[in-house]
Amino acid sequence: MSIKSSQKLVEEANEIIETLNPSEIKSLIEKNDITLIDVRDIRELWRDGTIENSKHIPRGMLEFWLDPNSSYYQENKIQDSKKMVFFCAMGFRSALATKALVDMGFKNVANAKGGFDALKNAGLKVVQKEKK
């Protein structure tokens, strides 16, 4: 059986999605022009923290939480006027997440190049995520 590798899926996603580098993201945050969305697993947020003021939508729920026709829809997770920029640990899961939303018809979405590590290294403030 021959399958398409996850690496190939990420490469294909990166060919069609917008990707922003950490300095571009930092600039957009300062202008209050984006909503940062962390798609990592909640256990990663508990362990490593997250970027201040980012929203959390686990990768497995993304399409459902952002689909108005889904019983899981969470209207408060998005603001149509702002670009949604997704990040994970390294930028691979968030590339696939961004492509999924492009496939759904979302226009104002982008992936954070390098993910959480790159954003943290660029000086964005990391906050601890409390267990509820």
C-alpha atoms as a PDB file:
ATOM      1  CA  MET A   1       0.000   0.000   0.000  1.00  0.00           C
ATOM      2  CA  SER A   2       1.330   3.369  -0.970  1.00  0.00           C
ATOM      3  CA  ILE A   3       0.119   6.403   0.972  1.00  0.00           C
ATOM      4  CA  LYS A   4       0.891  10.103   0.688  1.00  0.00           C
ATOM      5  CA  SER A   5       3.203  11.023   3.555  1.00  0.00           C
ATOM      6  CA  SER A   6       2.324  13.607   6.187  1.00  0.00           C
ATOM      7  CA  GLN A   7       5.400  15.533   5.042  1.00  0.00           C
ATOM      8  CA  LYS A   8       3.992  15.632   1.490  1.00  0.00           C
ATOM      9  CA  LEU A   9       0.618  16.840   2.800  1.00  0.00           C
ATOM     10  CA  VAL A  10       2.337  19.681   4.670  1.00  0.00           C
ATOM     11  CA  GLU A  11       4.411  20.587   1.586  1.00  0.00           C
ATOM     12  CA  GLU A  12       1.265  20.691  -0.562  1.00  0.00           C
ATOM     13  CA  ALA A  13      -0.543  22.808   2.032  1.00  0.00           C
ATOM     14  CA  ASN A  14       2.360  25.263   2.180  1.00  0.00           C
ATOM     15  CA  GLU A  15       2.151  25.732  -1.591  1.00  0.00           C
ATOM     16  CA  ILE A  16      -1.362  27.173  -1.386  1.00  0.00           C
ATOM     17  CA  ILE A  17      -1.693  28.821   2.035  1.00  0.00           C
ATOM     18  CA  GLU A  18      -0.391  32.147   3.284  1.00  0.00           C
ATOM     19  CA  THR A  19       2.456  31.834   5.762  1.00  0.00           C
ATOM     20  CA  LEU A  20       3.563  34.684   8.005  1.00  0.00           C
ATOM     21  CA  ASN A  21       6.916  34.882   9.744  1.00  0.00           C
ATOM     22  CA  PRO A  22       7.137  35.785  13.446  1.00  0.00           C
ATOM     23  CA  SER A  23       8.088  39.436  12.816  1.00  0.00           C
ATOM     24  CA  GLU A  24       5.055  39.903  10.529  1.00  0.00           C
ATOM     25  CA  ILE A  25       2.863  38.319  13.191  1.00  0.00           C
ATOM     26  CA  LYS A  26       4.332  40.521  15.906  1.00  0.00           C
ATOM     27  CA  SER A  27       3.559  43.608  13.807  1.00  0.00           C
ATOM     28  CA  LEU A  28      -0.038  42.480  13.190  1.00  0.00           C
ATOM     29  CA  ILE A  29      -0.517  41.787  16.913  1.00  0.00           C
ATOM     30  CA  GLU A  30       0.678  45.310  17.733  1.00  0.00           C
ATOM     31  CA  LYS A  31      -1.913  46.667  15.273  1.00  0.00           C
ATOM     32  CA  ASN A  32      -4.564  44.341  16.764  1.00  0.00           C
ATOM     33  CA  ASP A  33      -5.220  43.005  13.243  1.00  0.00           C
ATOM     34  CA  ILE A  34      -5.085  39.245  13.889  1.00  0.00           C
ATOM     35  CA  THR A  35      -6.473  36.510  16.071  1.00  0.00           C
ATOM     36  CA  LEU A  36      -3.785  33.980  16.953  1.00  0.00           C
ATOM     37  CA  ILE A  37      -5.126  30.449  17.286  1.00  0.00           C
ATOM     38  CA  ASP A  38      -3.184  27.655  18.975  1.00  0.00           C
ATOM     39  CA  VAL A  39      -4.148  24.263  17.513  1.00  0.00           C
ATOM     40  CA  ARG A  40      -1.904  22.175  19.774  1.00  0.00           C
ATOM     41  CA  ASP A  41      -3.241  19.553  22.149  1.00  0.00           C
ATOM     42  CA  ILE A  42      -4.345  20.955  25.520  1.00  0.00           C
ATOM     43  CA  ARG A  43      -1.614  18.934  27.263  1.00  0.00           C
ATOM     44  CA  GLU A  44       1.007  20.851  25.235  1.00  0.00           C
ATOM     45  CA  LEU A  45      -0.474  24.149  26.428  1.00  0.00           C
ATOM     46  CA  TRP A  46      -0.445  22.965  30.042  1.00  0.00           C
ATOM     47  CA  ARG A  47       3.178  21.849  29.705  1.00  0.00           C
ATOM     48  CA  ASP A  48       4.645  24.677  27.598  1.00  0.00           C
ATOM     49  CA  GLY A  49       2.212  27.582  27.923  1.00  0.00           C
ATOM     50  CA  THR A  50       0.778  29.503  24.981  1.00  0.00           C
ATOM     51  CA  ILE A  51       1.134  32.902  23.354  1.00  0.00           C
ATOM     52  CA  GLU A  52      -0.601  35.635  25.333  1.00  0.00           C
ATOM     53  CA  ASN A  53      -4.134  36.451  24.104  1.00  0.00           C
ATOM     54  CA  SER A  54      -4.215  33.526  21.667  1.00  0.00           C
ATOM     55  CA  LYS A  55      -7.313  31.368  21.425  1.00  0.00           C
ATOM     56  CA  HIS A  56      -7.154  27.602  21.718  1.00  0.00           C
ATOM     57  CA  ILE A  57      -8.909  25.389  19.176  1.00  0.00           C
ATOM     58  CA  PRO A  58      -7.600  21.814  19.236  1.00  0.00           C
ATOM     59  CA  ARG A  59      -6.665  20.597  15.743  1.00  0.00           C
ATOM     60  CA  GLY A  60      -9.188  17.773  15.966  1.00  0.00           C
ATOM     61  CA  MET A  61     -12.098  20.185  16.558  1.00  0.00           C
ATOM     62  CA  LEU A  62     -11.111  23.052  14.256  1.00  0.00           C
ATOM     63  CA  GLU A  63     -13.401  22.403  11.301  1.00  0.00           C
ATOM     64  CA  PHE A  64     -16.320  21.590  13.620  1.00  0.00           C
ATOM     65  CA  TRP A  65     -15.954  24.615  15.918  1.00  0.00           C
ATOM     66  CA  LEU A  66     -15.719  26.999  12.942  1.00  0.00           C
ATOM     67  CA  ASP A  67     -18.559  25.521  10.857  1.00  0.00           C
ATOM     68  CA  PRO A  68     -21.843  27.379  11.527  1.00  0.00           C
ATOM     69  CA  ASN A  69     -23.754  24.243  10.444  1.00  0.00           C
ATOM     70  CA  SER A  70     -21.991  21.978  12.939  1.00  0.00           C
ATOM     71  CA  SER A  71     -23.540  21.109  16.293  1.00  0.00           C
ATOM     72  CA  TYR A  72     -20.092  21.922  17.755  1.00  0.00           C
ATOM     73  CA  TYR A  73     -20.002  25.468  16.289  1.00  0.00           C
ATOM     74  CA  GLN A  74     -18.487  28.051  18.627  1.00  0.00           C
ATOM     75  CA  GLU A  75     -19.237  31.507  17.250  1.00  0.00           C
ATOM     76  CA  ASN A  76     -17.087  33.233  19.873  1.00  0.00           C
ATOM     77  CA  LYS A  77     -13.932  31.576  18.502  1.00  0.00           C
ATOM     78  CA  ILE A  78     -13.660  33.764  15.410  1.00  0.00           C
ATOM     79  CA  GLN A  79     -13.868  37.393  14.431  1.00  0.00           C
ATOM     80  CA  ASP A  80     -14.481  37.757  10.714  1.00  0.00           C
ATOM     81  CA  SER A  81     -12.814  41.149  10.520  1.00  0.00           C
ATOM     82  CA  LYS A  82      -9.458  39.848  11.731  1.00  0.00           C
ATOM     83  CA  LYS A  83      -7.063  37.486  10.013  1.00  0.00           C
ATOM     84  CA  MET A  84      -6.876  34.146  11.814  1.00  0.00           C
ATOM     85  CA  VAL A  85      -3.276  32.966  12.176  1.00  0.00           C
ATOM     86  CA  PHE A  86      -2.804  29.379  13.281  1.00  0.00           C
ATOM     87  CA  PHE A  87       0.164  27.882  15.095  1.00  0.00           C
ATOM     88  CA  CYS A  88       1.199  24.542  16.536  1.00  0.00           C
ATOM     89  CA  ALA A  89       4.585  23.464  17.891  1.00  0.00           C
ATOM     90  CA  MET A  90       6.581  23.681  14.650  1.00  0.00           C
ATOM     91  CA  GLY A  91       4.101  24.807  11.973  1.00  0.00           C
ATOM     92  CA  PHE A  92       3.137  21.438  10.458  1.00  0.00           C
ATOM     93  CA  ARG A  93      -0.274  20.773  12.063  1.00  0.00           C
ATOM     94  CA  SER A  94      -1.168  24.433  11.679  1.00  0.00           C
ATOM     95  CA  ALA A  95      -0.288  24.296   7.951  1.00  0.00           C
ATOM     96  CA  LEU A  96      -2.782  21.457   7.548  1.00  0.00           C
ATOM     97  CA  ALA A  97      -5.301  23.335   9.700  1.00  0.00           C
ATOM     98  CA  THR A  98      -4.923  26.475   7.582  1.00  0.00           C
ATOM     99  CA  LYS A  99      -5.365  24.469   4.370  1.00  0.00           C
ATOM    100  CA  ALA A 100      -8.505  22.811   5.771  1.00  0.00           C
ATOM    101  CA  LEU A 101     -10.029  26.229   6.409  1.00  0.00           C
ATOM    102  CA  VAL A 102      -9.039  27.444   2.933  1.00  0.00           C
ATOM    103  CA  ASP A 103     -10.776  24.325   1.590  1.00  0.00           C
ATOM    104  CA  MET A 104     -13.861  25.271   3.652  1.00  0.00           C
ATOM    105  CA  GLY A 105     -13.903  28.711   2.030  1.00  0.00           C
ATOM    106  CA  PHE A 106     -12.210  30.866   4.660  1.00  0.00           C
ATOM    107  CA  LYS A 107     -10.206  33.668   3.034  1.00  0.00           C
ATOM    108  CA  ASN A 108      -8.547  35.537   5.889  1.00  0.00           C
ATOM    109  CA  VAL A 109      -6.359  32.729   7.304  1.00  0.00           C
ATOM    110  CA  ALA A 110      -2.618  32.119   7.562  1.00  0.00           C
ATOM    111  CA  ASN A 111      -0.072  29.808   9.164  1.00  0.00           C
ATOM    112  CA  ALA A 112       2.639  30.928  11.583  1.00  0.00           C
ATOM    113  CA  LYS A 113       6.011  29.931  10.148  1.00  0.00           C
ATOM    114  CA  GLY A 114       7.983  27.916  12.695  1.00  0.00           C
ATOM    115  CA  GLY A 115       5.059  27.598  15.098  1.00  0.00           C
ATOM    116  CA  PHE A 116       5.073  28.210  18.835  1.00  0.00           C
ATOM    117  CA  ASP A 117       8.846  27.876  19.169  1.00  0.00           C
ATOM    118  CA  ALA A 118       9.477  30.573  16.549  1.00  0.00           C
ATOM    119  CA  LEU A 119       6.884  32.918  18.078  1.00  0.00           C
ATOM    120  CA  LYS A 120       8.364  32.413  21.551  1.00  0.00           C
ATOM    121  CA  ASN A 121      11.907  33.001  20.224  1.00  0.00           C
ATOM    122  CA  ALA A 122      10.712  36.192  18.491  1.00  0.00           C
ATOM    123  CA  GLY A 123       9.776  37.583  21.881  1.00  0.00           C
ATOM    124  CA  LEU A 124       6.024  37.079  21.959  1.00  0.00           C
ATOM    125  CA  LYS A 125       4.867  36.717  25.540  1.00  0.00           C
ATOM    126  CA  VAL A 126       4.192  33.171  26.726  1.00  0.00           C
ATOM    127  CA  VAL A 127       1.575  32.622  29.433  1.00  0.00           C
ATOM    128  CA  GLN A 128       0.776  29.494  31.398  1.00  0.00           C
ATOM    129  CA  LYS A 129      -2.429  27.676  30.561  1.00  0.00           C
ATOM    130  CA  GLU A 130      -4.335  26.745  33.702  1.00  0.00           C
ATOM    131  CA  LYS A 131      -5.943  23.337  34.028  1.00  0.00           C
ATOM    132  CA  LYS A 132      -9.693  23.725  34.505  1.00  0.00           C
END
